[in-house]
C-alpha atoms as a PDB file:
ATOM      1  CA  MET A   1      -2.667 -36.888  13.992  1.00  0.00           C
ATOM      2  CA  ASP A   2      -2.579 -33.271  14.093  1.00  0.00           C
ATOM      3  CA  ARG A   3      -6.099 -31.882  12.791  1.00  0.00           C
ATOM      4  CA  PRO A   4      -5.531 -28.838  10.308  1.00  0.00           C
ATOM      5  CA  LEU A   5      -6.002 -25.439  11.733  1.00  0.00           C
ATOM      6  CA  ARG A   6      -9.112 -23.606  10.497  1.00  0.00           C
ATOM      7  CA  LEU A   7      -7.321 -20.276   9.390  1.00  0.00           C
ATOM      8  CA  PRO A   8      -6.531 -18.978   6.238  1.00  0.00           C
ATOM      9  CA  GLN A   9      -2.848 -20.617   5.112  1.00  0.00           C
ATOM     10  CA  GLN A  10      -1.247 -16.703   5.539  1.00  0.00           C
ATOM     11  CA  ASP A  11      -2.235 -17.161   9.484  1.00  0.00           C
ATOM     12  CA  ARG A  12      -1.280 -20.615   9.946  1.00  0.00           C
ATOM     13  CA  ALA A  13       2.081 -19.545   9.577  1.00  0.00           C
ATOM     14  CA  ASP A  14       1.968 -17.160  12.221  1.00  0.00           C
ATOM     15  CA  PHE A  15       0.487 -19.574  14.218  1.00  0.00           C
ATOM     16  CA  GLU A  16       2.913 -21.780  13.801  1.00  0.00           C
ATOM     17  CA  THR A  17       5.675 -19.347  14.327  1.00  0.00           C
ATOM     18  CA  GLU A  18       4.232 -18.049  17.699  1.00  0.00           C
ATOM     19  CA  LEU A  19       4.006 -21.688  18.974  1.00  0.00           C
ATOM     20  CA  GLY A  20       7.617 -22.366  18.123  1.00  0.00           C
ATOM     21  CA  ARG A  21       8.707 -19.385  20.275  1.00  0.00           C
ATOM     22  CA  ALA A  22       6.273 -20.096  23.141  1.00  0.00           C
ATOM     23  CA  LEU A  23       7.740 -23.480  23.386  1.00  0.00           C
ATOM     24  CA  ALA A  24      11.037 -22.235  23.482  1.00  0.00           C
ATOM     25  CA  GLY A  25      10.321 -19.489  25.729  1.00  0.00           C
ATOM     26  CA  PRO A  26      11.353 -19.108  29.472  1.00  0.00           C
ATOM     27  CA  GLN A  27       8.157 -19.972  30.786  1.00  0.00           C
ATOM     28  CA  VAL A  28       7.071 -23.015  28.918  1.00  0.00           C
ATOM     29  CA  ARG A  29      10.825 -24.152  29.389  1.00  0.00           C
ATOM     30  CA  ALA A  30      10.595 -23.742  33.036  1.00  0.00           C
ATOM     31  CA  ALA A  31       7.059 -25.504  33.380  1.00  0.00           C
ATOM     32  CA  LEU A  32       8.794 -28.576  31.502  1.00  0.00           C
ATOM     33  CA  ARG A  33      11.604 -28.738  33.715  1.00  0.00           C
ATOM     34  CA  ASP A  34       9.117 -28.630  36.833  1.00  0.00           C
ATOM     35  CA  GLY A  35       7.186 -31.279  35.273  1.00  0.00           C
ATOM     36  CA  GLY A  36       9.640 -33.642  35.055  1.00  0.00           C
ATOM     37  CA  ASP A  37      10.104 -33.411  31.338  1.00  0.00           C
ATOM     38  CA  ASP A  38      11.313 -36.587  29.528  1.00  0.00           C
ATOM     39  CA  GLY A  39      12.757 -34.844  26.307  1.00  0.00           C
ATOM     40  CA  ARG A  40       9.378 -35.276  24.466  1.00  0.00           C
ATOM     41  CA  GLY A  41       7.281 -32.756  26.235  1.00  0.00           C
ATOM     42  CA  ALA A  42       7.776 -30.089  23.589  1.00  0.00           C
ATOM     43  CA  GLU A  43       6.641 -32.197  21.324  1.00  0.00           C
ATOM     44  CA  ARG A  44       3.281 -33.209  22.950  1.00  0.00           C
ATOM     45  CA  LEU A  45       2.605 -29.728  23.982  1.00  0.00           C
ATOM     46  CA  ARG A  46       3.118 -28.701  19.928  1.00  0.00           C
ATOM     47  CA  ARG A  47       0.544 -31.517  19.337  1.00  0.00           C
ATOM     48  CA  SER A  48      -1.639 -30.642  21.974  1.00  0.00           C
ATOM     49  CA  ALA A  49      -1.891 -26.946  20.834  1.00  0.00           C
ATOM     50  CA  ARG A  50      -2.521 -27.662  17.301  1.00  0.00           C
ATOM     51  CA  GLU A  51      -5.338 -30.305  18.504  1.00  0.00           C
ATOM     52  CA  ASN A  52      -6.896 -27.468  20.420  1.00  0.00           C
ATOM     53  CA  ALA A  53      -6.019 -24.582  18.281  1.00  0.00           C
ATOM     54  CA  GLU A  54      -9.590 -23.281  18.497  1.00  0.00           C
ATOM     55  CA  PHE A  55      -9.452 -23.027  22.146  1.00  0.00           C
ATOM     56  CA  VAL A  56      -6.197 -21.351  22.202  1.00  0.00           C
ATOM     57  CA  LEU A  57      -6.920 -19.014  19.222  1.00  0.00           C
ATOM     58  CA  ALA A  58     -10.224 -17.642  21.024  1.00  0.00           C
ATOM     59  CA  ALA A  59      -8.091 -15.981  23.672  1.00  0.00           C
ATOM     60  CA  ALA A  60      -7.134 -13.756  20.882  1.00  0.00           C
ATOM     61  CA  ALA A  61     -10.009 -13.234  19.013  1.00  0.00           C
ATOM     62  CA  PRO A  62     -10.952  -9.695  19.002  1.00  0.00           C
ATOM     63  CA  GLU A  63      -7.406  -8.828  17.920  1.00  0.00           C
ATOM     64  CA  TYR A  64      -7.906 -11.586  14.887  1.00  0.00           C
ATOM     65  CA  GLU A  65     -11.282 -10.170  14.135  1.00  0.00           C
ATOM     66  CA  ARG A  66      -9.846  -6.746  13.558  1.00  0.00           C
ATOM     67  CA  TYR A  67      -6.770  -8.051  11.826  1.00  0.00           C
ATOM     68  CA  ALA A  68      -8.987 -10.096   9.280  1.00  0.00           C
ATOM     69  CA  THR A  69     -11.267  -7.440   8.772  1.00  0.00           C
ATOM     70  CA  MET A  70      -8.719  -4.769   7.870  1.00  0.00           C
ATOM     71  CA  ARG A  71      -6.998  -6.913   5.696  1.00  0.00           C
ATOM     72  CA  ALA A  72     -10.171  -7.837   3.796  1.00  0.00           C
ATOM     73  CA  ASP A  73     -10.884  -4.047   3.208  1.00  0.00           C
ATOM     74  CA  ALA A  74      -7.321  -3.451   2.244  1.00  0.00           C
ATOM     75  CA  ASP A  75      -7.589  -6.101  -0.289  1.00  0.00           C
ATOM     76  CA  ALA A  76     -10.823  -4.894  -1.516  1.00  0.00           C
ATOM     77  CA  VAL A  77      -9.576  -1.304  -1.823  1.00  0.00           C
ATOM     78  CA  SER A  78      -6.536  -2.571  -3.844  1.00  0.00           C
ATOM     79  CA  ARG A  79      -8.619  -4.144  -6.131  1.00  0.00           C
ATOM     80  CA  LEU A  80     -11.085  -1.192  -6.861  1.00  0.00           C
ATOM     81  CA  PRO A  81     -10.520   1.131 -10.057  1.00  0.00           C
ATOM     82  CA  VAL A  82      -8.323   4.327  -9.239  1.00  0.00           C
ATOM     83  CA  ASP A  83     -10.690   7.116  -9.414  1.00  0.00           C
ATOM     84  CA  ALA A  84      -9.626  10.293  -8.835  1.00  0.00           C
ATOM     85  CA  PRO A  85     -11.717  12.852 -10.319  1.00  0.00           C
ATOM     86  CA  GLY A  86      -9.921  16.031  -8.592  1.00  0.00           C
ATOM     87  CA  GLY A  87      -6.483  14.999  -9.710  1.00  0.00           C
ATOM     88  CA  GLY A  88      -8.186  14.163 -13.299  1.00  0.00           C
ATOM     89  CA  ARG A  89      -9.386  17.874 -13.402  1.00  0.00           C
ATOM     90  CA  VAL A  90      -5.862  19.231 -12.396  1.00  0.00           C
ATOM     91  CA  SER A  91      -4.088  16.990 -15.033  1.00  0.00           C
ATOM     92  CA  GLY A  92      -6.685  18.271 -17.751  1.00  0.00           C
ATOM     93  CA  LEU A  93      -5.762  21.961 -17.410  1.00  0.00           C
ATOM     94  CA  TRP A  94      -2.246  21.180 -17.267  1.00  0.00           C
ATOM     95  CA  GLY A  95      -2.821  19.011 -20.497  1.00  0.00           C
ATOM     96  CA  VAL A  96      -4.808  21.855 -22.164  1.00  0.00           C
ATOM     97  CA  LEU A  97      -2.100  24.366 -21.434  1.00  0.00           C
ATOM     98  CA  GLY A  98       1.070  21.829 -22.209  1.00  0.00           C
ATOM     99  CA  VAL A  99      -0.742  19.966 -25.301  1.00  0.00           C
ATOM    100  CA  ILE A 100      -3.612  21.907 -26.968  1.00  0.00           C
ATOM    101  CA  VAL A 101      -2.655  25.744 -26.470  1.00  0.00           C
ATOM    102  CA  PRO A 102       0.842  25.092 -28.044  1.00  0.00           C
ATOM    103  CA  ILE A 103      -0.867  23.303 -30.875  1.00  0.00           C
ATOM    104  CA  ILE A 104      -3.224  26.107 -31.626  1.00  0.00           C
ATOM    105  CA  ALA A 105      -0.757  28.963 -30.970  1.00  0.00           C
ATOM    106  CA  GLY A 106       1.991  27.486 -33.066  1.00  0.00           C
ATOM    107  CA  ALA A 107      -0.659  26.674 -36.099  1.00  0.00           C
ATOM    108  CA  ALA A 108      -1.693  30.356 -35.568  1.00  0.00           C
ATOM    109  CA  ALA A 109       2.023  31.479 -35.647  1.00  0.00           C
ATOM    110  CA  ALA A 110       2.975  29.588 -38.763  1.00  0.00           C
ATOM    111  CA  ILE A 111      -0.052  31.277 -40.373  1.00  0.00           C
ATOM    112  CA  PHE A 112       0.252  34.482 -39.185  1.00  0.00           C
ATOM    113  CA  LEU A 113       4.246  34.590 -40.571  1.00  0.00           C
ATOM    114  CA  VAL A 114       3.544  33.091 -43.638  1.00  0.00           C
ATOM    115  CA  LEU A 115       0.678  35.529 -44.839  1.00  0.00           C
ATOM    116  CA  GLY A 116       2.946  38.557 -43.221  1.00  0.00           C
ATOM    117  CA  TYR A 117       5.867  37.778 -45.323  1.00  0.00           C
ATOM    118  CA  VAL A 118       3.903  37.196 -48.347  1.00  0.00           C
ATOM    119  CA  PHE A 119       2.059  40.487 -47.894  1.00  0.00           C
ATOM    120  CA  GLY A 120       4.977  42.064 -47.020  1.00  0.00           C
ATOM    121  CA  LEU A 121       6.350  41.281 -50.356  1.00  0.00           C
ATOM    122  CA  ALA A 122       3.590  43.836 -51.725  1.00  0.00           C
ATOM    123  CA  GLU A 123       4.193  47.400 -51.131  1.00  0.00           C
ATOM    124  CA  ASP A 124       0.555  48.293 -50.637  1.00  0.00           C
ATOM    125  CA  LEU A 125       0.284  45.417 -48.091  1.00  0.00           C
ATOM    126  CA  GLU A 126       3.616  45.967 -46.384  1.00  0.00           C
ATOM    127  CA  VAL A 127       1.867  47.274 -43.077  1.00  0.00           C
ATOM    128  CA  LEU A 128      -0.554  44.457 -42.778  1.00  0.00           C
ATOM    129  CA  GLY A 129       2.595  41.998 -43.660  1.00  0.00           C
ATOM    130  CA  ASP A 130       4.463  43.594 -40.579  1.00  0.00           C
ATOM    131  CA  ALA A 131       1.328  43.348 -38.397  1.00  0.00           C
ATOM    132  CA  LEU A 132       0.794  39.624 -39.199  1.00  0.00           C
ATOM    133  CA  VAL A 133       4.641  39.037 -38.655  1.00  0.00           C
ATOM    134  CA  ALA A 134       4.479  40.592 -35.370  1.00  0.00           C
ATOM    135  CA  ALA A 135       1.148  38.641 -34.569  1.00  0.00           C
ATOM    136  CA  GLY A 136       3.131  35.481 -35.540  1.00  0.00           C
ATOM    137  CA  TRP A 137       6.104  35.739 -33.216  1.00  0.00           C
ATOM    138  CA  ILE A 138       3.776  36.716 -30.442  1.00  0.00           C
ATOM    139  CA  ALA A 139       1.820  33.319 -31.192  1.00  0.00           C
ATOM    140  CA  ALA A 140       5.281  31.499 -31.348  1.00  0.00           C
ATOM    141  CA  GLY A 141       6.217  32.850 -28.049  1.00  0.00           C
ATOM    142  CA  VAL A 142       2.689  32.091 -26.293  1.00  0.00           C
ATOM    143  CA  ALA A 143       3.299  28.401 -28.044  1.00  0.00           C
ATOM    144  CA  ALA A 144       6.788  28.022 -26.454  1.00  0.00           C
ATOM    145  CA  VAL A 145       5.767  29.477 -22.835  1.00  0.00           C
ATOM    146  CA  SER A 146       2.436  27.210 -22.769  1.00  0.00           C
ATOM    147  CA  LEU A 147       4.507  24.149 -23.891  1.00  0.00           C
ATOM    148  CA  LEU A 148       7.121  24.819 -21.035  1.00  0.00           C
ATOM    149  CA  VAL A 149       4.868  25.619 -18.418  1.00  0.00           C
ATOM    150  CA  GLY A 150       2.201  22.938 -19.319  1.00  0.00           C
ATOM    151  CA  GLY A 151       4.975  20.432 -19.519  1.00  0.00           C
ATOM    152  CA  LEU A 152       6.288  21.139 -16.178  1.00  0.00           C
ATOM    153  CA  GLY A 153       2.971  21.379 -14.791  1.00  0.00           C
ATOM    154  CA  LEU A 154       1.935  18.034 -16.154  1.00  0.00           C
ATOM    155  CA  LEU A 155       5.108  16.403 -14.621  1.00  0.00           C
ATOM    156  CA  GLY A 156       4.504  18.022 -10.898  1.00  0.00           C
ATOM    157  CA  ALA A 157       1.041  16.989 -11.103  1.00  0.00           C
ATOM    158  CA  ALA A 158       1.891  12.890 -12.321  1.00  0.00           C
ATOM    159  CA  SER A 159       4.608  13.191  -9.046  1.00  0.00           C
ATOM    160  CA  ARG A 160       2.229  14.338  -7.018  1.00  0.00           C
ATOM    161  CA  GLU A 161      -0.421  11.632  -7.837  1.00  0.00           C
ATOM    162  CA  ARG A 162       2.371   9.128  -7.495  1.00  0.00           C
ATOM    163  CA  GLU A 163       3.618  10.057  -4.113  1.00  0.00           C
ATOM    164  CA  ALA A 164      -0.076  10.686  -2.551  1.00  0.00           C
ATOM    165  CA  GLU A 165      -0.941   6.908  -3.993  1.00  0.00           C
ATOM    166  CA  ALA A 166       2.182   5.620  -2.421  1.00  0.00           C
ATOM    167  CA  ALA A 167       1.569   7.263   0.981  1.00  0.00           C
ATOM    168  CA  GLU A 168      -1.969   5.847   0.972  1.00  0.00           C
ATOM    169  CA  GLY A 169      -0.569   2.616   0.091  1.00  0.00           C
ATOM    170  CA  ASN A 170       2.199   2.476   2.792  1.00  0.00           C
ATOM    171  CA  GLY A 171      -0.233   3.970   5.634  1.00  0.00           C
ATOM    172  CA  GLY A 172      -2.954   0.948   4.705  1.00  0.00           C
ATOM    173  CA  ALA A 173      -0.502  -1.500   4.616  1.00  0.00           C
ATOM    174  CA  GLY A 174       1.194  -0.307   8.165  1.00  0.00           C
ATOM    175  CA  GLU A 175      -2.044  -0.363   9.814  1.00  0.00           C
ATOM    176  CA  VAL A 176      -2.919  -3.790   8.688  1.00  0.00           C
ATOM    177  CA  ALA A 177       0.839  -4.766   9.576  1.00  0.00           C
ATOM    178  CA  ARG A 178       0.235  -3.389  13.239  1.00  0.00           C
ATOM    179  CA  ALA A 179      -3.245  -5.215  13.553  1.00  0.00           C
ATOM    180  CA  ARG A 180      -1.246  -8.564  12.512  1.00  0.00           C
ATOM    181  CA  ASP A 181       1.303  -7.921  15.023  1.00  0.00           C
ATOM    182  CA  ASP A 182      -1.253  -6.922  17.828  1.00  0.00           C
ATOM    183  CA  TRP A 183      -3.100 -10.542  17.274  1.00  0.00           C
ATOM    184  CA  ARG A 184       0.200 -12.421  17.227  1.00  0.00           C
ATOM    185  CA  LEU A 185       1.099 -10.657  20.505  1.00  0.00           C
ATOM    186  CA  ALA A 186      -2.255 -11.561  22.047  1.00  0.00           C
ATOM    187  CA  LEU A 187      -2.179 -14.939  20.651  1.00  0.00           C
ATOM    188  CA  ALA A 188       0.969 -15.406  21.994  1.00  0.00           C
ATOM    189  CA  GLU A 189       0.532 -13.867  25.814  1.00  0.00           C
ATOM    190  CA  ARG A 190      -3.014 -14.959  26.248  1.00  0.00           C
ATOM    191  CA  GLY A 191      -3.488 -18.057  24.342  1.00  0.00           C
ATOM    192  CA  LEU A 192      -0.567 -19.861  23.680  1.00  0.00           C
ATOM    193  CA  VAL A 193       1.575 -19.489  26.491  1.00  0.00           C
ATOM    194  CA  PRO A 194      -0.985 -19.819  29.112  1.00  0.00           C
ATOM    195  CA  TYR A 195      -2.477 -23.021  27.390  1.00  0.00           C
ATOM    196  CA  LEU A 196       1.107 -24.460  27.045  1.00  0.00           C
ATOM    197  CA  VAL A 197       2.259 -23.899  30.887  1.00  0.00           C
ATOM    198  CA  SER A 198      -1.209 -25.406  32.235  1.00  0.00           C
ATOM    199  CA  GLN A 199      -0.417 -28.458  29.969  1.00  0.00           C
ATOM    200  CA  ALA A 200       3.193 -28.801  30.820  1.00  0.00           C
ATOM    201  CA  ASN A 201       2.262 -28.624  34.445  1.00  0.00           C
ATOM    202  CA  ALA A 202      -0.362 -31.755  33.890  1.00  0.00           C
ATOM    203  CA  LEU A 203       1.922 -33.899  31.896  1.00  0.00           C
ATOM    204  CA  PRO A 204       2.677 -37.138  33.033  1.00  0.00           C
ATOM    205  CA  GLY A 205       5.586 -37.656  35.813  1.00  0.00           C
ATOM    206  CA  GLN A 206       4.963 -34.231  37.132  1.00  0.00           C
ATOM    207  CA  GLN A 207       7.055 -33.464  40.243  1.00  0.00           C
ATOM    208  CA  ARG A 208       4.915 -32.075  43.185  1.00  0.00           C
ATOM    209  CA  ARG A 209       6.656 -29.186  44.667  1.00  0.00           C
END
């Protein structure tokens, strides 16, 4: 009976995949032919590799340790709360410009315009009314401009933040993927293939050259 591999579930599938490729590879097939394979040699080699997986895995231990460490770090980072004080300050400034300033300027514009038109009805206060109306329209212009600029700034800041997060996530995932590929390559070249070839040469019925 095959002994279960002492690997996380996600790594067992990689081991089995590389084992299957190694068994189908030219080196192992040639060793089986030279050893007088009776048709069941590949399955015997498969069981042997599984039963001695710890020995096979030891050949690629440095690569696996690096891969496992990077994967654990990436998982830990992905669970951390997002904390970007710099981006928060930038977004806060755009928020002030795009939300608070338009509200204040708009309220001031409404007050100035109402008072200006009311005072403009009285001859004695006509000059003051005109000044208030002018101030009201200026405040309305400030509200409109700040709303437009602030809104565009918020959209741009949000877009840059999403791009930065995506780039960071893709970069981390790429490093982990490369470490995984390095481990699988080392597992095949230094672990599985040499072991399987040596076991194929030792199979019963081996023909001496």
